[in-house]
PDB file of N, CA and C in Angstrom:
ATOM      1  N   MET A   1       0.455  -1.404  -0.051  1.00  0.00           N
ATOM      2  CA  MET A   1       0.334   0.043  -0.234  1.00  0.00           C
ATOM      3  C   MET A   1       0.776   1.191  -0.088  1.00  0.00           C
ATOM      4  N   LEU A   2       1.863   1.144   0.611  1.00  0.00           N
ATOM      5  CA  LEU A   2       3.187   1.832   1.132  1.00  0.00           C
ATOM      6  C   LEU A   2       3.392   2.654  -0.667  1.00  0.00           C
ATOM      7  N   ASP A   3       3.618   1.583  -1.354  1.00  0.00           N
ATOM      8  CA  ASP A   3       4.419   2.010  -2.584  1.00  0.00           C
ATOM      9  C   ASP A   3       3.326   2.326  -3.551  1.00  0.00           C
ATOM     10  N   GLU A   4       2.366   2.358  -3.465  1.00  0.00           N
ATOM     11  CA  GLU A   4       1.073   2.636  -4.125  1.00  0.00           C
ATOM     12  C   GLU A   4       1.185   4.435  -3.722  1.00  0.00           C
ATOM     13  N   MET A   5       0.800   4.582  -2.840  1.00  0.00           N
ATOM     14  CA  MET A   5       0.815   5.980  -2.285  1.00  0.00           C
ATOM     15  C   MET A   5       2.185   6.656  -2.793  1.00  0.00           C
ATOM     16  N   ILE A   6       2.710   6.541  -2.798  1.00  0.00           N
ATOM     17  CA  ILE A   6       4.394   6.694  -3.347  1.00  0.00           C
ATOM     18  C   ILE A   6       4.314   6.922  -5.000  1.00  0.00           C
ATOM     19  N   THR A   7       3.827   5.803  -5.418  1.00  0.00           N
ATOM     20  CA  THR A   7       3.572   5.744  -7.198  1.00  0.00           C
ATOM     21  C   THR A   7       2.846   6.725  -7.673  1.00  0.00           C
ATOM     22  N   GLN A   8       1.774   7.078  -5.736  1.00  0.00           N
ATOM     23  CA  GLN A   8       0.737   8.538  -6.522  1.00  0.00           C
ATOM     24  C   GLN A   8       0.943   9.926  -6.529  1.00  0.00           C
ATOM     25  N   GLN A   9       1.948   9.536  -6.086  1.00  0.00           N
ATOM     26  CA  GLN A   9       2.242  11.119  -4.891  1.00  0.00           C
ATOM     27  C   GLN A   9       3.848  11.575  -6.078  1.00  0.00           C
ATOM     28  N   GLU A  10       4.339  10.700  -6.350  1.00  0.00           N
ATOM     29  CA  GLU A  10       5.829  10.542  -7.320  1.00  0.00           C
ATOM     30  C   GLU A  10       4.334  11.474  -8.588  1.00  0.00           C
ATOM     31  N   LYS A  11       3.412  10.566  -9.304  1.00  0.00           N
ATOM     32  CA  LYS A  11       2.682  11.377 -10.379  1.00  0.00           C
ATOM     33  C   LYS A  11       2.152  12.439 -10.174  1.00  0.00           C
ATOM     34  N   LYS A  12       0.935  13.303  -8.942  1.00  0.00           N
ATOM     35  CA  LYS A  12       0.943  14.531  -8.206  1.00  0.00           C
ATOM     36  C   LYS A  12       1.536  15.845  -8.752  1.00  0.00           C
ATOM     37  N   LEU A  13       3.721  15.151  -8.169  1.00  0.00           N
ATOM     38  CA  LEU A  13       3.802  16.183  -8.073  1.00  0.00           C
ATOM     39  C   LEU A  13       4.245  16.539  -9.258  1.00  0.00           C
ATOM     40  N   LEU A  14       4.286  14.763 -10.355  1.00  0.00           N
ATOM     41  CA  LEU A  14       5.083  15.838 -11.665  1.00  0.00           C
ATOM     42  C   LEU A  14       3.456  16.165 -12.419  1.00  0.00           C
ATOM     43  N   LYS A  15       3.032  15.842 -11.915  1.00  0.00           N
ATOM     44  CA  LYS A  15       2.008  17.194 -12.975  1.00  0.00           C
ATOM     45  C   LYS A  15       1.710  18.374 -12.737  1.00  0.00           C
ATOM     46  N   LEU A  16       2.064  18.712 -11.176  1.00  0.00           N
ATOM     47  CA  LEU A  16       2.132  20.195 -10.446  1.00  0.00           C
ATOM     48  C   LEU A  16       3.606  20.840 -11.059  1.00  0.00           C
ATOM     49  N   ALA A  17       4.835  19.691 -11.193  1.00  0.00           N
ATOM     50  CA  ALA A  17       5.638  20.597 -12.201  1.00  0.00           C
ATOM     51  C   ALA A  17       5.357  21.043 -12.970  1.00  0.00           C
ATOM     52  N   ARG A  18       4.750  20.058 -13.666  1.00  0.00           N
ATOM     53  CA  ARG A  18       4.061  20.526 -15.556  1.00  0.00           C
ATOM     54  C   ARG A  18       3.050  21.172 -15.793  1.00  0.00           C
ATOM     55  N   GLU A  19       2.051  21.987 -14.562  1.00  0.00           N
ATOM     56  CA  GLU A  19       1.826  22.603 -14.656  1.00  0.00           C
ATOM     57  C   GLU A  19       1.899  24.010 -13.898  1.00  0.00           C
ATOM     58  N   ILE A  20       3.258  24.234 -14.015  1.00  0.00           N
ATOM     59  CA  ILE A  20       4.456  25.450 -13.771  1.00  0.00           C
ATOM     60  C   ILE A  20       5.615  25.434 -14.692  1.00  0.00           C
ATOM     61  N   ILE A  21       6.083  24.249 -15.108  1.00  0.00           N
ATOM     62  CA  ILE A  21       7.093  24.081 -15.833  1.00  0.00           C
ATOM     63  C   ILE A  21       6.832  23.293 -16.923  1.00  0.00           C
ATOM     64  N   PRO A  22       6.014  23.374 -18.264  1.00  0.00           N
ATOM     65  CA  PRO A  22       4.904  22.414 -19.255  1.00  0.00           C
ATOM     66  C   PRO A  22       6.628  20.328 -19.594  1.00  0.00           C
ATOM     67  N   HIS A  23       7.553  21.429 -19.956  1.00  0.00           N
ATOM     68  CA  HIS A  23       8.653  19.973 -20.058  1.00  0.00           C
ATOM     69  C   HIS A  23       9.164  19.983 -18.895  1.00  0.00           C
ATOM     70  N   LEU A  24       8.739  20.016 -18.503  1.00  0.00           N
ATOM     71  CA  LEU A  24      10.029  18.707 -16.796  1.00  0.00           C
ATOM     72  C   LEU A  24       9.567  17.203 -17.497  1.00  0.00           C
ATOM     73  N   THR A  25      10.979  16.694 -17.363  1.00  0.00           N
ATOM     74  CA  THR A  25      10.298  15.178 -16.934  1.00  0.00           C
ATOM     75  C   THR A  25      10.643  14.757 -15.415  1.00  0.00           C
ATOM     76  N   SER A  26      10.314  13.279 -15.030  1.00  0.00           N
ATOM     77  CA  SER A  26      10.097  13.154 -14.032  1.00  0.00           C
ATOM     78  C   SER A  26      12.056  13.268 -13.227  1.00  0.00           C
ATOM     79  N   ASP A  27      12.562  12.869 -14.159  1.00  0.00           N
ATOM     80  CA  ASP A  27      13.720  13.213 -13.410  1.00  0.00           C
ATOM     81  C   ASP A  27      14.448  14.750 -13.059  1.00  0.00           C
ATOM     82  N   ASP A  28      13.535  15.478 -13.338  1.00  0.00           N
ATOM     83  CA  ASP A  28      14.292  17.075 -13.747  1.00  0.00           C
ATOM     84  C   ASP A  28      13.528  17.839 -12.138  1.00  0.00           C
ATOM     85  N   ILE A  29      12.380  17.111 -11.773  1.00  0.00           N
ATOM     86  CA  ILE A  29      11.767  16.712 -10.235  1.00  0.00           C
ATOM     87  C   ILE A  29      12.537  16.848  -9.222  1.00  0.00           C
ATOM     88  N   LEU A  30      13.421  16.086  -9.271  1.00  0.00           N
ATOM     89  CA  LEU A  30      14.989  15.306  -7.876  1.00  0.00           C
ATOM     90  C   LEU A  30      15.418  16.256  -8.235  1.00  0.00           C
ATOM     91  N   GLN A  31      15.649  17.391  -9.079  1.00  0.00           N
ATOM     92  CA  GLN A  31      16.396  18.612  -8.801  1.00  0.00           C
ATOM     93  C   GLN A  31      16.077  19.560  -8.971  1.00  0.00           C
ATOM     94  N   PRO A  32      15.098  19.697  -7.913  1.00  0.00           N
ATOM     95  CA  PRO A  32      14.312  21.195  -8.126  1.00  0.00           C
ATOM     96  C   PRO A  32      14.473  22.627  -7.651  1.00  0.00           C
ATOM     97  N   ASN A  33      15.790  22.537  -7.107  1.00  0.00           N
ATOM     98  CA  ASN A  33      16.623  24.554  -7.915  1.00  0.00           C
ATOM     99  C   ASN A  33      17.297  24.003  -8.458  1.00  0.00           C
ATOM    100  N   ASP A  34      17.280  23.604  -9.561  1.00  0.00           N
ATOM    101  CA  ASP A  34      17.325  23.355 -10.193  1.00  0.00           C
ATOM    102  C   ASP A  34      16.950  24.400 -11.364  1.00  0.00           C
ATOM    103  N   PHE A  35      15.525  24.820 -11.523  1.00  0.00           N
ATOM    104  CA  PHE A  35      14.866  25.830 -11.488  1.00  0.00           C
ATOM    105  C   PHE A  35      14.207  26.508 -10.305  1.00  0.00           C
ATOM    106  N   PRO A  36      14.678  27.691 -10.289  1.00  0.00           N
ATOM    107  CA  PRO A  36      13.840  28.183  -9.264  1.00  0.00           C
ATOM    108  C   PRO A  36      12.427  28.880  -9.787  1.00  0.00           C
ATOM    109  N   GLU A  37      11.867  28.525 -11.229  1.00  0.00           N
ATOM    110  CA  GLU A  37      10.260  28.470 -10.850  1.00  0.00           C
ATOM    111  C   GLU A  37       9.451  26.945  -9.443  1.00  0.00           C
ATOM    112  N   LEU A  38      10.065  26.037  -9.483  1.00  0.00           N
ATOM    113  CA  LEU A  38       9.912  25.257  -8.661  1.00  0.00           C
ATOM    114  C   LEU A  38      11.059  25.640  -7.693  1.00  0.00           C
ATOM    115  N   GLU A  39      11.907  25.757  -7.877  1.00  0.00           N
ATOM    116  CA  GLU A  39      11.849  25.916  -5.657  1.00  0.00           C
ATOM    117  C   GLU A  39      10.967  27.188  -4.841  1.00  0.00           C
ATOM    118  N   ASN A  40      10.661  27.677  -5.305  1.00  0.00           N
ATOM    119  CA  ASN A  40       9.563  28.700  -4.434  1.00  0.00           C
ATOM    120  C   ASN A  40       8.913  29.189  -4.333  1.00  0.00           C
ATOM    121  N   HIS A  41       8.304  27.375  -5.477  1.00  0.00           N
ATOM    122  CA  HIS A  41       6.308  27.539  -5.114  1.00  0.00           C
ATOM    123  C   HIS A  41       6.571  26.611  -3.468  1.00  0.00           C
ATOM    124  N   PRO A  42       5.691  27.556  -2.562  1.00  0.00           N
ATOM    125  CA  PRO A  42       5.216  26.652  -1.469  1.00  0.00           C
ATOM    126  C   PRO A  42       3.290  25.444  -2.562  1.00  0.00           C
ATOM    127  N   LEU A  43       3.445  26.087  -3.342  1.00  0.00           N
ATOM    128  CA  LEU A  43       1.905  24.376  -2.807  1.00  0.00           C
ATOM    129  C   LEU A  43       3.448  22.834  -3.307  1.00  0.00           C
ATOM    130  N   PHE A  44       4.074  23.540  -4.795  1.00  0.00           N
ATOM    131  CA  PHE A  44       4.773  22.761  -4.990  1.00  0.00           C
ATOM    132  C   PHE A  44       5.843  21.849  -3.719  1.00  0.00           C
ATOM    133  N   ARG A  45       6.918  22.884  -3.270  1.00  0.00           N
ATOM    134  CA  ARG A  45       7.574  22.846  -2.080  1.00  0.00           C
ATOM    135  C   ARG A  45       6.650  21.357  -1.669  1.00  0.00           C
ATOM    136  N   PHE A  46       5.858  21.772  -0.837  1.00  0.00           N
ATOM    137  CA  PHE A  46       4.273  20.864   0.322  1.00  0.00           C
ATOM    138  C   PHE A  46       3.644  19.114  -0.415  1.00  0.00           C
ATOM    139  N   GLU A  47       3.107  19.370  -1.532  1.00  0.00           N
ATOM    140  CA  GLU A  47       4.166  18.041  -2.632  1.00  0.00           C
ATOM    141  C   GLU A  47       4.974  18.006  -2.391  1.00  0.00           C
ATOM    142  N   GLU A  48       6.113  18.073  -2.529  1.00  0.00           N
ATOM    143  CA  GLU A  48       7.409  17.424  -2.043  1.00  0.00           C
ATOM    144  C   GLU A  48       7.435  16.731  -1.270  1.00  0.00           C
ATOM    145  N   GLY A  49       6.906  17.109   0.060  1.00  0.00           N
ATOM    146  CA  GLY A  49       7.175  17.422   1.027  1.00  0.00           C
ATOM    147  C   GLY A  49       6.654  16.367   1.477  1.00  0.00           C
ATOM    148  N   ILE A  50       5.676  15.752   1.624  1.00  0.00           N
ATOM    149  CA  ILE A  50       4.427  14.903   1.542  1.00  0.00           C
ATOM    150  C   ILE A  50       5.558  13.459   0.935  1.00  0.00           C
ATOM    151  N   LEU A  51       6.084  13.274  -0.389  1.00  0.00           N
ATOM    152  CA  LEU A  51       6.427  12.430  -1.128  1.00  0.00           C
ATOM    153  C   LEU A  51       8.113  11.990  -0.380  1.00  0.00           C
ATOM    154  N   LYS A  52       8.938  13.076  -0.061  1.00  0.00           N
ATOM    155  CA  LYS A  52       9.448  12.636   1.116  1.00  0.00           C
ATOM    156  C   LYS A  52       9.425  11.937   2.496  1.00  0.00           C
ATOM    157  N   GLY A  53       7.972  12.698   2.935  1.00  0.00           N
ATOM    158  CA  GLY A  53       8.164  11.460   3.664  1.00  0.00           C
ATOM    159  C   GLY A  53       7.031  10.711   3.545  1.00  0.00           C
ATOM    160  N   LEU A  54       7.113  10.204   3.512  1.00  0.00           N
ATOM    161  CA  LEU A  54       6.373   8.695   2.755  1.00  0.00           C
ATOM    162  C   LEU A  54       7.640   7.536   2.336  1.00  0.00           C
ATOM    163  N   GLN A  55       8.088   8.771   1.529  1.00  0.00           N
ATOM    164  CA  GLN A  55       9.426   7.562   1.221  1.00  0.00           C
ATOM    165  C   GLN A  55      10.740   7.511   3.011  1.00  0.00           C
ATOM    166  N   ALA A  56      10.519   8.064   3.549  1.00  0.00           N
ATOM    167  CA  ALA A  56      11.884   8.170   4.202  1.00  0.00           C
ATOM    168  C   ALA A  56      10.431   6.735   4.916  1.00  0.00           C
ATOM    169  N   ALA A  57       8.867   6.274   5.433  1.00  0.00           N
ATOM    170  CA  ALA A  57       8.377   5.931   6.259  1.00  0.00           C
ATOM    171  C   ALA A  57       8.479   4.512   5.450  1.00  0.00           C
ATOM    172  N   GLU A  58       8.672   4.492   4.558  1.00  0.00           N
ATOM    173  CA  GLU A  58       9.010   3.529   3.204  1.00  0.00           C
ATOM    174  C   GLU A  58      10.353   2.720   3.110  1.00  0.00           C
ATOM    175  N   MET A  59      11.301   3.417   3.741  1.00  0.00           N
ATOM    176  CA  MET A  59      12.953   3.352   4.457  1.00  0.00           C
ATOM    177  C   MET A  59      12.670   3.030   5.722  1.00  0.00           C
ATOM    178  N   ALA A  60      12.013   3.154   5.999  1.00  0.00           N
ATOM    179  CA  ALA A  60      11.883   3.382   7.804  1.00  0.00           C
ATOM    180  C   ALA A  60      11.693   1.427   8.129  1.00  0.00           C
ATOM    181  N   LEU A  61      10.805   1.316   7.665  1.00  0.00           N
ATOM    182  CA  LEU A  61       9.659  -0.114   7.490  1.00  0.00           C
ATOM    183  C   LEU A  61      10.586  -0.752   7.018  1.00  0.00           C
ATOM    184  N   ARG A  62      10.189  -0.726   5.807  1.00  0.00           N
ATOM    185  CA  ARG A  62      11.694  -1.966   5.235  1.00  0.00           C
ATOM    186  C   ARG A  62      14.046  -2.433   6.353  1.00  0.00           C
ATOM    187  N   ARG A  63      13.356  -1.320   6.952  1.00  0.00           N
ATOM    188  CA  ARG A  63      14.857  -1.855   8.102  1.00  0.00           C
ATOM    189  C   ARG A  63      14.284  -1.788   8.086  1.00  0.00           C
ATOM    190  N   ARG A  64      13.041  -2.171   9.351  1.00  0.00           N
ATOM    191  CA  ARG A  64      12.810  -2.443  10.840  1.00  0.00           C
ATOM    192  C   ARG A  64      12.315  -4.067  10.855  1.00  0.00           C
ATOM    193  N   VAL A  65      11.705  -4.226   8.462  1.00  0.00           N
ATOM    194  CA  VAL A  65      11.738  -5.422   9.273  1.00  0.00           C
ATOM    195  C   VAL A  65      13.255  -6.096   8.844  1.00  0.00           C
ATOM    196  N   LYS A  66      13.696  -5.366   8.457  1.00  0.00           N
ATOM    197  CA  LYS A  66      14.768  -6.683   7.557  1.00  0.00           C
ATOM    198  C   LYS A  66      15.889  -7.213   9.510  1.00  0.00           C
ATOM    199  N   SER A  67      15.136  -6.267  10.781  1.00  0.00           N
ATOM    200  CA  SER A  67      15.884  -6.617  11.832  1.00  0.00           C
ATOM    201  C   SER A  67      15.880  -7.179  12.465  1.00  0.00           C
TER     202      SER A  67
END
């Protein structure tokens, strides 16, 4: 389920990024600091934070399962 949430948030973030800068790729949004329009966009940063939180939760769970 967490994988699905991450995938959904990645798609949402890319869609939002393309509303701001239409030609962006999924690789481009890995480095939003290369694009001032993204770097300074509060909604993009908010949605990116949600994605990073989901990814951190996934890593923590995987580590917990390995222990």
